[in-house]
Amino acid sequence: RKQYLYTWKAASNYNVTDAITGATLTSHTSHTIEWDCTDLNGDVVADGEYVMWIEFTEKHAQGPLFNISFQKGPDGFDITPPDENHFKDMQLTWEPELVLVADFT
């Protein structure tokens, strides 16, 4: 149902590089998403402000969308955004020299 991921489609024209996609699940579950802070060429991105987008659909229509801004820099961080209707228990962690990890249910 990726045709209903309108925000992702508009930003990427269905380019799955640096995107995490998968088949429709039969039930809701927790997810862990990792990004190694590299660009489409595999180069580490510069320090600065970035936005992580989460978008999904579970029917033949646009689904929930969430985004969170974060500052990538030399120091690590943990961000715990407040719960929203479709995004609960989120944790965004940056550890330099490792990968960006986001957990949510």
PDB file of N, CA and C in Angstrom:
ATOM      1  N   ARG A   1       0.804  -1.198   0.000  1.00  0.00           N
ATOM      2  CA  ARG A   1       0.000   0.000   0.000  1.00  0.00           C
ATOM      3  C   ARG A   1       0.845   1.260   0.000  1.00  0.00           C
ATOM      4  N   LYS A   2       2.057   1.133  -0.476  1.00  0.00           N
ATOM      5  CA  LYS A   2       2.930   2.303  -0.430  1.00  0.00           C
ATOM      6  C   LYS A   2       2.413   3.472  -1.252  1.00  0.00           C
ATOM      7  N   GLN A   3       1.479   3.236  -2.144  1.00  0.00           N
ATOM      8  CA  GLN A   3       0.911   4.353  -2.893  1.00  0.00           C
ATOM      9  C   GLN A   3       0.156   5.317  -1.984  1.00  0.00           C
ATOM     10  N   TYR A   4      -0.190   4.891  -0.756  1.00  0.00           N
ATOM     11  CA  TYR A   4      -0.895   5.758   0.190  1.00  0.00           C
ATOM     12  C   TYR A   4       0.053   6.473   1.155  1.00  0.00           C
ATOM     13  N   LEU A   5       1.333   6.273   1.021  1.00  0.00           N
ATOM     14  CA  LEU A   5       2.325   6.981   1.849  1.00  0.00           C
ATOM     15  C   LEU A   5       2.677   8.279   1.133  1.00  0.00           C
ATOM     16  N   TYR A   6       1.742   9.188   1.142  1.00  0.00           N
ATOM     17  CA  TYR A   6       1.837  10.401   0.318  1.00  0.00           C
ATOM     18  C   TYR A   6       3.037  11.277   0.655  1.00  0.00           C
ATOM     19  N   THR A   7       3.350  11.432   1.926  1.00  0.00           N
ATOM     20  CA  THR A   7       4.478  12.281   2.314  1.00  0.00           C
ATOM     21  C   THR A   7       5.782  11.686   1.826  1.00  0.00           C
ATOM     22  N   TRP A   8       5.970  10.374   2.038  1.00  0.00           N
ATOM     23  CA  TRP A   8       7.179   9.690   1.575  1.00  0.00           C
ATOM     24  C   TRP A   8       7.268   9.728   0.056  1.00  0.00           C
ATOM     25  N   LYS A   9       6.159   9.459  -0.615  1.00  0.00           N
ATOM     26  CA  LYS A   9       6.150   9.468  -2.080  1.00  0.00           C
ATOM     27  C   LYS A   9       6.554  10.836  -2.631  1.00  0.00           C
ATOM     28  N   ALA A  10       5.997  11.911  -2.046  1.00  0.00           N
ATOM     29  CA  ALA A  10       6.311  13.258  -2.522  1.00  0.00           C
ATOM     30  C   ALA A  10       7.774  13.612  -2.288  1.00  0.00           C
ATOM     31  N   ALA A  11       8.337  13.152  -1.187  1.00  0.00           N
ATOM     32  CA  ALA A  11       9.723  13.483  -0.848  1.00  0.00           C
ATOM     33  C   ALA A  11      10.737  12.621  -1.593  1.00  0.00           C
ATOM     34  N   SER A  12      10.362  11.387  -1.944  1.00  0.00           N
ATOM     35  CA  SER A  12      11.357  10.455  -2.474  1.00  0.00           C
ATOM     36  C   SER A  12      11.047   9.883  -3.848  1.00  0.00           C
ATOM     37  N   ASN A  13       9.832  10.059  -4.342  1.00  0.00           N
ATOM     38  CA  ASN A  13       9.411   9.422  -5.589  1.00  0.00           C
ATOM     39  C   ASN A  13       9.637   7.908  -5.539  1.00  0.00           C
ATOM     40  N   TYR A  14       9.277   7.301  -4.412  1.00  0.00           N
ATOM     41  CA  TYR A  14       9.387   5.859  -4.159  1.00  0.00           C
ATOM     42  C   TYR A  14      10.824   5.354  -4.012  1.00  0.00           C
ATOM     43  N   ASN A  15      11.784   6.234  -3.788  1.00  0.00           N
ATOM     44  CA  ASN A  15      13.166   5.811  -3.577  1.00  0.00           C
ATOM     45  C   ASN A  15      13.272   5.198  -2.185  1.00  0.00           C
ATOM     46  N   VAL A  16      13.598   3.896  -2.097  1.00  0.00           N
ATOM     47  CA  VAL A  16      13.650   3.221  -0.806  1.00  0.00           C
ATOM     48  C   VAL A  16      15.028   3.276  -0.149  1.00  0.00           C
ATOM     49  N   THR A  17      16.003   3.890  -0.825  1.00  0.00           N
ATOM     50  CA  THR A  17      17.303   4.058  -0.201  1.00  0.00           C
ATOM     51  C   THR A  17      17.149   5.028   0.965  1.00  0.00           C
ATOM     52  N   ASP A  18      17.640   4.642   2.131  1.00  0.00           N
ATOM     53  CA  ASP A  18      17.521   5.440   3.352  1.00  0.00           C
ATOM     54  C   ASP A  18      16.087   5.478   3.870  1.00  0.00           C
ATOM     55  N   ALA A  19      15.266   4.552   3.423  1.00  0.00           N
ATOM     56  CA  ALA A  19      13.900   4.414   3.927  1.00  0.00           C
ATOM     57  C   ALA A  19      13.749   2.992   4.441  1.00  0.00           C
ATOM     58  N   ILE A  20      12.877   2.815   5.386  1.00  0.00           N
ATOM     59  CA  ILE A  20      12.585   1.483   5.901  1.00  0.00           C
ATOM     60  C   ILE A  20      11.154   1.174   5.509  1.00  0.00           C
ATOM     61  N   THR A  21      10.976   0.141   4.700  1.00  0.00           N
ATOM     62  CA  THR A  21       9.656  -0.221   4.224  1.00  0.00           C
ATOM     63  C   THR A  21       9.428  -1.693   4.497  1.00  0.00           C
ATOM     64  N   GLY A  22       8.193  -2.108   4.437  1.00  0.00           N
ATOM     65  CA  GLY A  22       7.895  -3.515   4.653  1.00  0.00           C
ATOM     66  C   GLY A  22       6.466  -3.836   4.291  1.00  0.00           C
ATOM     67  N   ALA A  23       6.171  -5.105   4.302  1.00  0.00           N
ATOM     68  CA  ALA A  23       4.825  -5.562   3.975  1.00  0.00           C
ATOM     69  C   ALA A  23       3.843  -5.149   5.062  1.00  0.00           C
ATOM     70  N   THR A  24       2.576  -5.095   4.696  1.00  0.00           N
ATOM     71  CA  THR A  24       1.527  -4.781   5.658  1.00  0.00           C
ATOM     72  C   THR A  24       1.501  -5.858   6.738  1.00  0.00           C
ATOM     73  N   LEU A  25       1.497  -5.435   7.989  1.00  0.00           N
ATOM     74  CA  LEU A  25       1.461  -6.366   9.109  1.00  0.00           C
ATOM     75  C   LEU A  25       0.018  -6.746   9.420  1.00  0.00           C
ATOM     76  N   THR A  26      -0.173  -7.901  10.037  1.00  0.00           N
ATOM     77  CA  THR A  26      -1.513  -8.345  10.387  1.00  0.00           C
ATOM     78  C   THR A  26      -1.993  -7.773  11.711  1.00  0.00           C
ATOM     79  N   SER A  27      -1.071  -7.201  12.512  1.00  0.00           N
ATOM     80  CA  SER A  27      -1.454  -6.574  13.777  1.00  0.00           C
ATOM     81  C   SER A  27      -0.414  -5.515  14.138  1.00  0.00           C
ATOM     82  N   HIS A  28      -0.799  -4.624  15.039  1.00  0.00           N
ATOM     83  CA  HIS A  28       0.119  -3.582  15.484  1.00  0.00           C
ATOM     84  C   HIS A  28       1.169  -4.188  16.404  1.00  0.00           C
ATOM     85  N   THR A  29       2.379  -3.655  16.331  1.00  0.00           N
ATOM     86  CA  THR A  29       3.484  -4.175  17.133  1.00  0.00           C
ATOM     87  C   THR A  29       4.511  -3.071  17.337  1.00  0.00           C
ATOM     88  N   SER A  30       5.456  -3.306  18.204  1.00  0.00           N
ATOM     89  CA  SER A  30       6.552  -2.364  18.417  1.00  0.00           C
ATOM     90  C   SER A  30       7.550  -2.472  17.268  1.00  0.00           C
ATOM     91  N   HIS A  31       8.236  -1.368  17.011  1.00  0.00           N
ATOM     92  CA  HIS A  31       9.234  -1.327  15.943  1.00  0.00           C
ATOM     93  C   HIS A  31      10.500  -0.669  16.466  1.00  0.00           C
ATOM     94  N   THR A  32      11.633  -1.108  15.979  1.00  0.00           N
ATOM     95  CA  THR A  32      12.897  -0.435  16.204  1.00  0.00           C
ATOM     96  C   THR A  32      13.457  -0.077  14.837  1.00  0.00           C
ATOM     97  N   ILE A  33      13.777   1.188  14.664  1.00  0.00           N
ATOM     98  CA  ILE A  33      14.298   1.681  13.392  1.00  0.00           C
ATOM     99  C   ILE A  33      15.705   2.204  13.637  1.00  0.00           C
ATOM    100  N   GLU A  34      16.633   1.860  12.779  1.00  0.00           N
ATOM    101  CA  GLU A  34      18.009   2.327  12.917  1.00  0.00           C
ATOM    102  C   GLU A  34      18.452   3.024  11.642  1.00  0.00           C
ATOM    103  N   TRP A  35      19.174   4.108  11.818  1.00  0.00           N
ATOM    104  CA  TRP A  35      19.787   4.835  10.704  1.00  0.00           C
ATOM    105  C   TRP A  35      21.232   5.091  11.090  1.00  0.00           C
ATOM    106  N   ASP A  36      22.162   4.773  10.241  1.00  0.00           N
ATOM    107  CA  ASP A  36      23.588   4.926  10.541  1.00  0.00           C
ATOM    108  C   ASP A  36      24.116   6.324  10.223  1.00  0.00           C
ATOM    109  N   CYS A  37      23.213   7.277  10.007  1.00  0.00           N
ATOM    110  CA  CYS A  37      23.571   8.678   9.745  1.00  0.00           C
ATOM    111  C   CYS A  37      24.429   8.839   8.503  1.00  0.00           C
ATOM    112  N   THR A  38      24.124   8.027   7.486  1.00  0.00           N
ATOM    113  CA  THR A  38      24.790   8.187   6.202  1.00  0.00           C
ATOM    114  C   THR A  38      23.771   8.633   5.159  1.00  0.00           C
ATOM    115  N   ASP A  39      24.283   9.248   4.101  1.00  0.00           N
ATOM    116  CA  ASP A  39      23.412   9.723   3.030  1.00  0.00           C
ATOM    117  C   ASP A  39      23.231   8.632   1.975  1.00  0.00           C
ATOM    118  N   LEU A  40      22.611   8.979   0.857  1.00  0.00           N
ATOM    119  CA  LEU A  40      22.339   8.005  -0.195  1.00  0.00           C
ATOM    120  C   LEU A  40      23.609   7.411  -0.791  1.00  0.00           C
ATOM    121  N   ASN A  41      24.747   8.108  -0.657  1.00  0.00           N
ATOM    122  CA  ASN A  41      26.025   7.607  -1.170  1.00  0.00           C
ATOM    123  C   ASN A  41      26.802   6.805  -0.137  1.00  0.00           C
ATOM    124  N   GLY A  42      26.263   6.695   1.087  1.00  0.00           N
ATOM    125  CA  GLY A  42      26.949   5.966   2.145  1.00  0.00           C
ATOM    126  C   GLY A  42      27.914   6.817   2.951  1.00  0.00           C
ATOM    127  N   ASP A  43      27.927   8.131   2.691  1.00  0.00           N
ATOM    128  CA  ASP A  43      28.803   9.037   3.425  1.00  0.00           C
ATOM    129  C   ASP A  43      28.100   9.526   4.690  1.00  0.00           C
ATOM    130  N   VAL A  44      28.838   9.672   5.778  1.00  0.00           N
ATOM    131  CA  VAL A  44      28.267  10.183   7.018  1.00  0.00           C
ATOM    132  C   VAL A  44      27.787  11.614   6.789  1.00  0.00           C
ATOM    133  N   VAL A  45      26.570  11.897   7.221  1.00  0.00           N
ATOM    134  CA  VAL A  45      26.014  13.237   7.039  1.00  0.00           C
ATOM    135  C   VAL A  45      26.662  14.213   8.020  1.00  0.00           C
ATOM    136  N   ALA A  46      26.670  15.469   7.653  1.00  0.00           N
ATOM    137  CA  ALA A  46      27.251  16.513   8.505  1.00  0.00           C
ATOM    138  C   ALA A  46      26.403  16.699   9.764  1.00  0.00           C
ATOM    139  N   ASP A  47      27.043  17.212  10.811  1.00  0.00           N
ATOM    140  CA  ASP A  47      26.290  17.579  12.003  1.00  0.00           C
ATOM    141  C   ASP A  47      25.304  18.675  11.636  1.00  0.00           C
ATOM    142  N   GLY A  48      24.165  18.673  12.283  1.00  0.00           N
ATOM    143  CA  GLY A  48      23.142  19.676  12.010  1.00  0.00           C
ATOM    144  C   GLY A  48      21.775  19.165  12.407  1.00  0.00           C
ATOM    145  N   GLU A  49      20.742  19.904  12.020  1.00  0.00           N
ATOM    146  CA  GLU A  49      19.375  19.531  12.363  1.00  0.00           C
ATOM    147  C   GLU A  49      18.797  18.600  11.301  1.00  0.00           C
ATOM    148  N   TYR A  50      18.151  17.546  11.756  1.00  0.00           N
ATOM    149  CA  TYR A  50      17.518  16.559  10.893  1.00  0.00           C
ATOM    150  C   TYR A  50      16.111  16.305  11.391  1.00  0.00           C
ATOM    151  N   VAL A  51      15.295  15.730  10.521  1.00  0.00           N
ATOM    152  CA  VAL A  51      13.928  15.383  10.871  1.00  0.00           C
ATOM    153  C   VAL A  51      13.700  13.921  10.518  1.00  0.00           C
ATOM    154  N   MET A  52      13.225  13.142  11.486  1.00  0.00           N
ATOM    155  CA  MET A  52      12.856  11.758  11.241  1.00  0.00           C
ATOM    156  C   MET A  52      11.343  11.716  11.039  1.00  0.00           C
ATOM    157  N   TRP A  53      10.918  11.091   9.947  1.00  0.00           N
ATOM    158  CA  TRP A  53       9.497  10.968   9.623  1.00  0.00           C
ATOM    159  C   TRP A  53       9.084   9.515   9.777  1.00  0.00           C
ATOM    160  N   ILE A  54       7.916   9.309  10.358  1.00  0.00           N
ATOM    161  CA  ILE A  54       7.316   7.976  10.436  1.00  0.00           C
ATOM    162  C   ILE A  54       5.934   8.091   9.819  1.00  0.00           C
ATOM    163  N   GLU A  55       5.683   7.273   8.825  1.00  0.00           N
ATOM    164  CA  GLU A  55       4.397   7.291   8.136  1.00  0.00           C
ATOM    165  C   GLU A  55       4.000   5.849   7.862  1.00  0.00           C
ATOM    166  N   PHE A  56       2.740   5.523   8.112  1.00  0.00           N
ATOM    167  CA  PHE A  56       2.272   4.197   7.761  1.00  0.00           C
ATOM    168  C   PHE A  56       0.816   4.257   7.320  1.00  0.00           C
ATOM    169  N   THR A  57       0.402   3.183   6.667  1.00  0.00           N
ATOM    170  CA  THR A  57      -1.004   3.046   6.297  1.00  0.00           C
ATOM    171  C   THR A  57      -1.412   1.617   6.578  1.00  0.00           C
ATOM    172  N   GLU A  58      -2.633   1.438   6.993  1.00  0.00           N
ATOM    173  CA  GLU A  58      -3.142   0.106   7.279  1.00  0.00           C
ATOM    174  C   GLU A  58      -4.434  -0.171   6.510  1.00  0.00           C
ATOM    175  N   LYS A  59      -4.744   0.695   5.581  1.00  0.00           N
ATOM    176  CA  LYS A  59      -5.920   0.527   4.729  1.00  0.00           C
ATOM    177  C   LYS A  59      -5.644   1.264   3.422  1.00  0.00           C
ATOM    178  N   HIS A  60      -6.593   1.280   2.549  1.00  0.00           N
ATOM    179  CA  HIS A  60      -6.413   1.940   1.257  1.00  0.00           C
ATOM    180  C   HIS A  60      -6.690   3.430   1.399  1.00  0.00           C
ATOM    181  N   ALA A  61      -5.863   4.074   2.204  1.00  0.00           N
ATOM    182  CA  ALA A  61      -5.970   5.514   2.460  1.00  0.00           C
ATOM    183  C   ALA A  61      -4.708   5.953   3.195  1.00  0.00           C
ATOM    184  N   GLN A  62      -4.494   7.268   3.244  1.00  0.00           N
ATOM    185  CA  GLN A  62      -3.343   7.779   3.980  1.00  0.00           C
ATOM    186  C   GLN A  62      -3.478   7.439   5.455  1.00  0.00           C
ATOM    187  N   GLY A  63      -2.377   7.061   6.070  1.00  0.00           N
ATOM    188  CA  GLY A  63      -2.370   6.703   7.483  1.00  0.00           C
ATOM    189  C   GLY A  63      -1.718   7.774   8.331  1.00  0.00           C
ATOM    190  N   PRO A  64      -1.466   7.446   9.589  1.00  0.00           N
ATOM    191  CA  PRO A  64      -0.858   8.400  10.517  1.00  0.00           C
ATOM    192  C   PRO A  64       0.557   8.805  10.098  1.00  0.00           C
ATOM    193  N   LEU A  65       0.936   9.993  10.505  1.00  0.00           N
ATOM    194  CA  LEU A  65       2.229  10.576  10.176  1.00  0.00           C
ATOM    195  C   LEU A  65       2.780  11.248  11.426  1.00  0.00           C
ATOM    196  N   PHE A  66       4.076  11.092  11.663  1.00  0.00           N
ATOM    197  CA  PHE A  66       4.727  11.704  12.813  1.00  0.00           C
ATOM    198  C   PHE A  66       6.116  12.147  12.378  1.00  0.00           C
ATOM    199  N   ASN A  67       6.586  13.263  12.916  1.00  0.00           N
ATOM    200  CA  ASN A  67       7.976  13.652  12.665  1.00  0.00           C
ATOM    201  C   ASN A  67       8.566  14.244  13.927  1.00  0.00           C
ATOM    202  N   ILE A  68       9.873  14.119  14.032  1.00  0.00           N
ATOM    203  CA  ILE A  68      10.592  14.685  15.168  1.00  0.00           C
ATOM    204  C   ILE A  68      11.917  15.241  14.677  1.00  0.00           C
ATOM    205  N   SER A  69      12.209  16.469  15.072  1.00  0.00           N
ATOM    206  CA  SER A  69      13.483  17.105  14.723  1.00  0.00           C
ATOM    207  C   SER A  69      14.515  16.751  15.780  1.00  0.00           C
ATOM    208  N   PHE A  70      15.751  16.633  15.348  1.00  0.00           N
ATOM    209  CA  PHE A  70      16.842  16.385  16.290  1.00  0.00           C
ATOM    210  C   PHE A  70      18.113  17.010  15.754  1.00  0.00           C
ATOM    211  N   GLN A  71      19.018  17.278  16.654  1.00  0.00           N
ATOM    212  CA  GLN A  71      20.292  17.895  16.320  1.00  0.00           C
ATOM    213  C   GLN A  71      21.384  16.828  16.385  1.00  0.00           C
ATOM    214  N   LYS A  72      21.938  16.447  15.236  1.00  0.00           N
ATOM    215  CA  LYS A  72      23.058  15.501  15.198  1.00  0.00           C
ATOM    216  C   LYS A  72      24.331  16.297  15.433  1.00  0.00           C
ATOM    217  N   GLY A  73      25.104  15.869  16.399  1.00  0.00           N
ATOM    218  CA  GLY A  73      26.343  16.555  16.718  1.00  0.00           C
ATOM    219  C   GLY A  73      27.325  15.610  17.381  1.00  0.00           C
ATOM    220  N   PRO A  74      28.362  16.154  17.987  1.00  0.00           N
ATOM    221  CA  PRO A  74      29.406  15.322  18.593  1.00  0.00           C
ATOM    222  C   PRO A  74      28.963  14.658  19.898  1.00  0.00           C
ATOM    223  N   ASP A  75      27.867  15.147  20.506  1.00  0.00           N
ATOM    224  CA  ASP A  75      27.396  14.591  21.774  1.00  0.00           C
ATOM    225  C   ASP A  75      26.153  13.742  21.553  1.00  0.00           C
ATOM    226  N   GLY A  76      26.045  12.671  22.296  1.00  0.00           N
ATOM    227  CA  GLY A  76      24.881  11.807  22.210  1.00  0.00           C
ATOM    228  C   GLY A  76      23.676  12.434  22.896  1.00  0.00           C
ATOM    229  N   PHE A  77      22.507  11.850  22.666  1.00  0.00           N
ATOM    230  CA  PHE A  77      21.290  12.330  23.305  1.00  0.00           C
ATOM    231  C   PHE A  77      20.240  11.242  23.323  1.00  0.00           C
ATOM    232  N   ASP A  78      19.245  11.429  24.171  1.00  0.00           N
ATOM    233  CA  ASP A  78      18.024  10.633  24.213  1.00  0.00           C
ATOM    234  C   ASP A  78      16.858  11.602  24.204  1.00  0.00           C
ATOM    235  N   ILE A  79      15.907  11.390  23.313  1.00  0.00           N
ATOM    236  CA  ILE A  79      14.707  12.211  23.247  1.00  0.00           C
ATOM    237  C   ILE A  79      13.507  11.286  23.443  1.00  0.00           C
ATOM    238  N   THR A  80      12.590  11.689  24.306  1.00  0.00           N
ATOM    239  CA  THR A  80      11.362  10.931  24.537  1.00  0.00           C
ATOM    240  C   THR A  80      10.179  11.827  24.189  1.00  0.00           C
ATOM    241  N   PRO A  81       9.685  11.748  22.956  1.00  0.00           N
ATOM    242  CA  PRO A  81       8.538  12.583  22.574  1.00  0.00           C
ATOM    243  C   PRO A  81       7.287  12.143  23.324  1.00  0.00           C
ATOM    244  N   PRO A  82       6.344  13.052  23.520  1.00  0.00           N
ATOM    245  CA  PRO A  82       5.091  12.659  24.164  1.00  0.00           C
ATOM    246  C   PRO A  82       4.310  11.686  23.277  1.00  0.00           C
ATOM    247  N   ASP A  83       3.530  10.804  23.911  1.00  0.00           N
ATOM    248  CA  ASP A  83       2.702   9.857  23.168  1.00  0.00           C
ATOM    249  C   ASP A  83       1.676  10.598  22.326  1.00  0.00           C
ATOM    250  N   GLU A  84       1.364  10.006  21.192  1.00  0.00           N
ATOM    251  CA  GLU A  84       0.307  10.495  20.321  1.00  0.00           C
ATOM    252  C   GLU A  84      -0.615   9.317  20.012  1.00  0.00           C
ATOM    253  N   ASN A  85      -1.720   9.564  19.330  1.00  0.00           N
ATOM    254  CA  ASN A  85      -2.705   8.507  19.088  1.00  0.00           C
ATOM    255  C   ASN A  85      -2.108   7.220  18.535  1.00  0.00           C
ATOM    256  N   HIS A  86      -1.282   7.305  17.528  1.00  0.00           N
ATOM    257  CA  HIS A  86      -0.764   6.110  16.863  1.00  0.00           C
ATOM    258  C   HIS A  86       0.716   5.855  17.128  1.00  0.00           C
ATOM    259  N   PHE A  87       1.333   6.671  17.955  1.00  0.00           N
ATOM    260  CA  PHE A  87       2.760   6.557  18.227  1.00  0.00           C
ATOM    261  C   PHE A  87       2.961   6.651  19.734  1.00  0.00           C
ATOM    262  N   LYS A  88       3.343   5.548  20.347  1.00  0.00           N
ATOM    263  CA  LYS A  88       3.459   5.472  21.805  1.00  0.00           C
ATOM    264  C   LYS A  88       4.856   5.014  22.190  1.00  0.00           C
ATOM    265  N   ASP A  89       5.281   5.418  23.388  1.00  0.00           N
ATOM    266  CA  ASP A  89       6.541   4.943  23.975  1.00  0.00           C
ATOM    267  C   ASP A  89       7.740   5.148  23.045  1.00  0.00           C
ATOM    268  N   MET A  90       7.804   6.302  22.418  1.00  0.00           N
ATOM    269  CA  MET A  90       8.893   6.572  21.480  1.00  0.00           C
ATOM    270  C   MET A  90      10.158   6.995  22.229  1.00  0.00           C
ATOM    271  N   GLN A  91      11.280   6.584  21.702  1.00  0.00           N
ATOM    272  CA  GLN A  91      12.584   6.940  22.243  1.00  0.00           C
ATOM    273  C   GLN A  91      13.526   7.117  21.066  1.00  0.00           C
ATOM    274  N   LEU A  92      14.167   8.264  20.972  1.00  0.00           N
ATOM    275  CA  LEU A  92      15.128   8.544  19.920  1.00  0.00           C
ATOM    276  C   LEU A  92      16.486   8.720  20.583  1.00  0.00           C
ATOM    277  N   THR A  93      17.453   7.919  20.161  1.00  0.00           N
ATOM    278  CA  THR A  93      18.777   7.916  20.785  1.00  0.00           C
ATOM    279  C   THR A  93      19.842   8.147  19.727  1.00  0.00           C
ATOM    280  N   TRP A  94      20.763   9.040  20.020  1.00  0.00           N
ATOM    281  CA  TRP A  94      21.928   9.262  19.145  1.00  0.00           C
ATOM    282  C   TRP A  94      23.172   9.006  19.967  1.00  0.00           C
ATOM    283  N   GLU A  95      23.999   8.091  19.468  1.00  0.00           N
ATOM    284  CA  GLU A  95      25.299   7.805  20.057  1.00  0.00           C
ATOM    285  C   GLU A  95      26.327   7.973  18.942  1.00  0.00           C
ATOM    286  N   PRO A  96      27.143   9.020  19.008  1.00  0.00           N
ATOM    287  CA  PRO A  96      28.137   9.219  17.937  1.00  0.00           C
ATOM    288  C   PRO A  96      28.959   7.966  17.688  1.00  0.00           C
ATOM    289  N   GLU A  97      29.258   7.757  16.430  1.00  0.00           N
ATOM    290  CA  GLU A  97      30.028   6.600  15.960  1.00  0.00           C
ATOM    291  C   GLU A  97      29.212   5.329  15.956  1.00  0.00           C
ATOM    292  N   LEU A  98      27.935   5.406  16.317  1.00  0.00           N
ATOM    293  CA  LEU A  98      27.068   4.232  16.248  1.00  0.00           C
ATOM    294  C   LEU A  98      25.945   4.529  15.267  1.00  0.00           C
ATOM    295  N   VAL A  99      24.741   4.159  15.594  1.00  0.00           N
ATOM    296  CA  VAL A  99      23.617   4.401  14.718  1.00  0.00           C
ATOM    297  C   VAL A  99      22.505   5.101  15.474  1.00  0.00           C
ATOM    298  N   LEU A 100      21.620   5.749  14.747  1.00  0.00           N
ATOM    299  CA  LEU A 100      20.446   6.374  15.326  1.00  0.00           C
ATOM    300  C   LEU A 100      19.394   5.297  15.489  1.00  0.00           C
ATOM    301  N   VAL A 101      18.818   5.177  16.687  1.00  0.00           N
ATOM    302  CA  VAL A 101      17.841   4.147  16.976  1.00  0.00           C
ATOM    303  C   VAL A 101      16.561   4.808  17.463  1.00  0.00           C
ATOM    304  N   ALA A 102      15.440   4.416  16.891  1.00  0.00           N
ATOM    305  CA  ALA A 102      14.133   4.916  17.325  1.00  0.00           C
ATOM    306  C   ALA A 102      13.249   3.731  17.640  1.00  0.00           C
ATOM    307  N   ASP A 103      12.686   3.692  18.829  1.00  0.00           N
ATOM    308  CA  ASP A 103      11.735   2.667  19.232  1.00  0.00           C
ATOM    309  C   ASP A 103      10.380   3.310  19.375  1.00  0.00           C
ATOM    310  N   PHE A 104       9.333   2.618  18.926  1.00  0.00           N
ATOM    311  CA  PHE A 104       7.981   3.115  19.108  1.00  0.00           C
ATOM    312  C   PHE A 104       7.001   1.970  18.994  1.00  0.00           C
ATOM    313  N   THR A 105       5.821   2.179  19.546  1.00  0.00           N
ATOM    314  CA  THR A 105       4.752   1.181  19.420  1.00  0.00           C
ATOM    315  C   THR A 105       3.545   1.842  18.828  1.00  0.00           C
TER     316      THR A 105
END
